[in-house]
Amino acid sequence: MIPTMILFGLVLGRWWPVTLLVAAFGWPALLVATDVVSVNAGLIAAAALALVNAGVGVLIYQGLFHAYRRFHRPASTGVPR
């Protein structure tokens, strides 16, 4: 579960609000649909863990994205503004 949700956050980290919502509701729904977990208190813990793990992936993505944008600026053309 952990690597799957981190990878999910890394791949879809650009759209972080949607990614976190899908992680929080989609992962538990998948667990219930595949009969891995029944609907009980453990499902809330699974949702929380999915949210945290996807959040880690989103944070890694956002950090790399902002570092790239900061250090990879377009070269100036030499034309004054």
Protein backbone atom coordinates (compact mmCIF):
# COMPACT_ATOMS: atom_id res chain seq x y z
CA MET A 1 0.00 0.00 0.00
CA ILE A 2 2.65 2.53 0.97
CA PRO A 3 4.69 2.51 -2.26
CA THR A 4 1.51 2.42 -4.34
CA MET A 5 0.06 5.52 -2.71
CA ILE A 6 3.37 7.40 -2.74
CA LEU A 7 3.70 6.65 -6.45
CA PHE A 8 0.09 7.78 -6.94
CA GLY A 9 0.97 11.09 -5.27
CA LEU A 10 4.13 11.46 -7.33
CA VAL A 11 2.39 10.83 -10.64
CA LEU A 12 -0.65 13.03 -9.97
CA GLY A 13 0.97 15.56 -7.63
CA ARG A 14 0.34 18.43 -10.02
CA TRP A 15 -3.37 18.25 -9.18
CA TRP A 16 -2.85 17.78 -5.45
CA PRO A 17 -6.38 18.53 -4.15
CA VAL A 18 -7.96 15.95 -6.44
CA THR A 19 -5.16 13.49 -5.78
CA LEU A 20 -5.64 13.67 -2.03
CA LEU A 21 -9.41 13.35 -2.29
CA VAL A 22 -9.13 10.31 -4.55
CA ALA A 23 -6.58 8.78 -2.19
CA ALA A 24 -8.78 9.35 0.86
CA PHE A 25 -11.94 7.95 -0.71
CA GLY A 26 -10.75 5.82 -3.62
CA TRP A 27 -8.32 3.57 -1.78
CA PRO A 28 -10.80 2.52 0.92
CA ALA A 29 -13.46 2.00 -1.75
CA LEU A 30 -11.06 -0.25 -3.64
CA LEU A 31 -10.30 -2.21 -0.47
CA VAL A 32 -14.01 -2.73 0.21
CA ALA A 33 -14.79 -3.60 -3.42
CA THR A 34 -12.08 -6.26 -3.52
CA ASP A 35 -13.14 -7.70 -0.15
CA VAL A 36 -9.82 -6.94 1.54
CA VAL A 37 -11.41 -4.95 4.37
CA SER A 38 -14.97 -4.83 5.59
CA VAL A 39 -16.66 -1.57 6.49
CA ASN A 40 -15.47 -0.96 10.06
CA ALA A 41 -13.11 1.27 12.05
CA GLY A 42 -10.12 -0.20 10.20
CA LEU A 43 -11.41 1.39 7.04
CA ILE A 44 -10.97 4.85 8.55
CA ALA A 45 -7.38 4.00 9.41
CA ALA A 46 -6.81 2.77 5.85
CA ALA A 47 -8.19 6.05 4.49
CA ALA A 48 -5.95 8.06 6.81
CA LEU A 49 -2.86 6.07 5.83
CA ALA A 50 -3.69 6.39 2.14
CA LEU A 51 -4.07 10.15 2.56
CA VAL A 52 -0.75 10.48 4.39
CA ASN A 53 1.14 8.31 1.91
CA ALA A 54 -0.29 10.09 -1.12
CA GLY A 55 0.50 13.37 0.63
CA VAL A 56 4.15 12.35 0.88
CA GLY A 57 4.20 11.70 -2.86
CA VAL A 58 2.51 15.04 -3.54
CA LEU A 59 5.03 16.86 -1.34
CA ILE A 60 7.93 15.22 -3.18
CA TYR A 61 6.39 16.15 -6.53
CA GLN A 62 5.69 19.73 -5.48
CA GLY A 63 9.22 20.13 -4.09
CA LEU A 64 10.81 18.86 -7.30
CA PHE A 65 8.46 20.96 -9.43
CA HIS A 66 9.23 24.18 -7.57
CA ALA A 67 12.97 23.45 -7.55
CA TYR A 68 12.86 22.87 -11.30
CA ARG A 69 10.93 26.11 -11.88
CA ARG A 70 13.31 28.05 -9.66
CA PHE A 71 16.55 26.85 -11.23
CA HIS A 72 15.41 26.38 -14.80
CA ARG A 73 14.40 29.86 -15.82
CA PRO A 74 14.44 30.84 -19.46
CA ALA A 75 17.63 32.50 -20.61
CA SER A 76 17.36 36.22 -21.13
CA THR A 77 17.31 37.33 -24.73
CA GLY A 78 19.40 40.42 -24.12
CA VAL A 79 16.59 42.71 -25.21
CA PRO A 80 15.82 45.34 -22.56
CA ARG A 81 12.24 45.63 -21.43
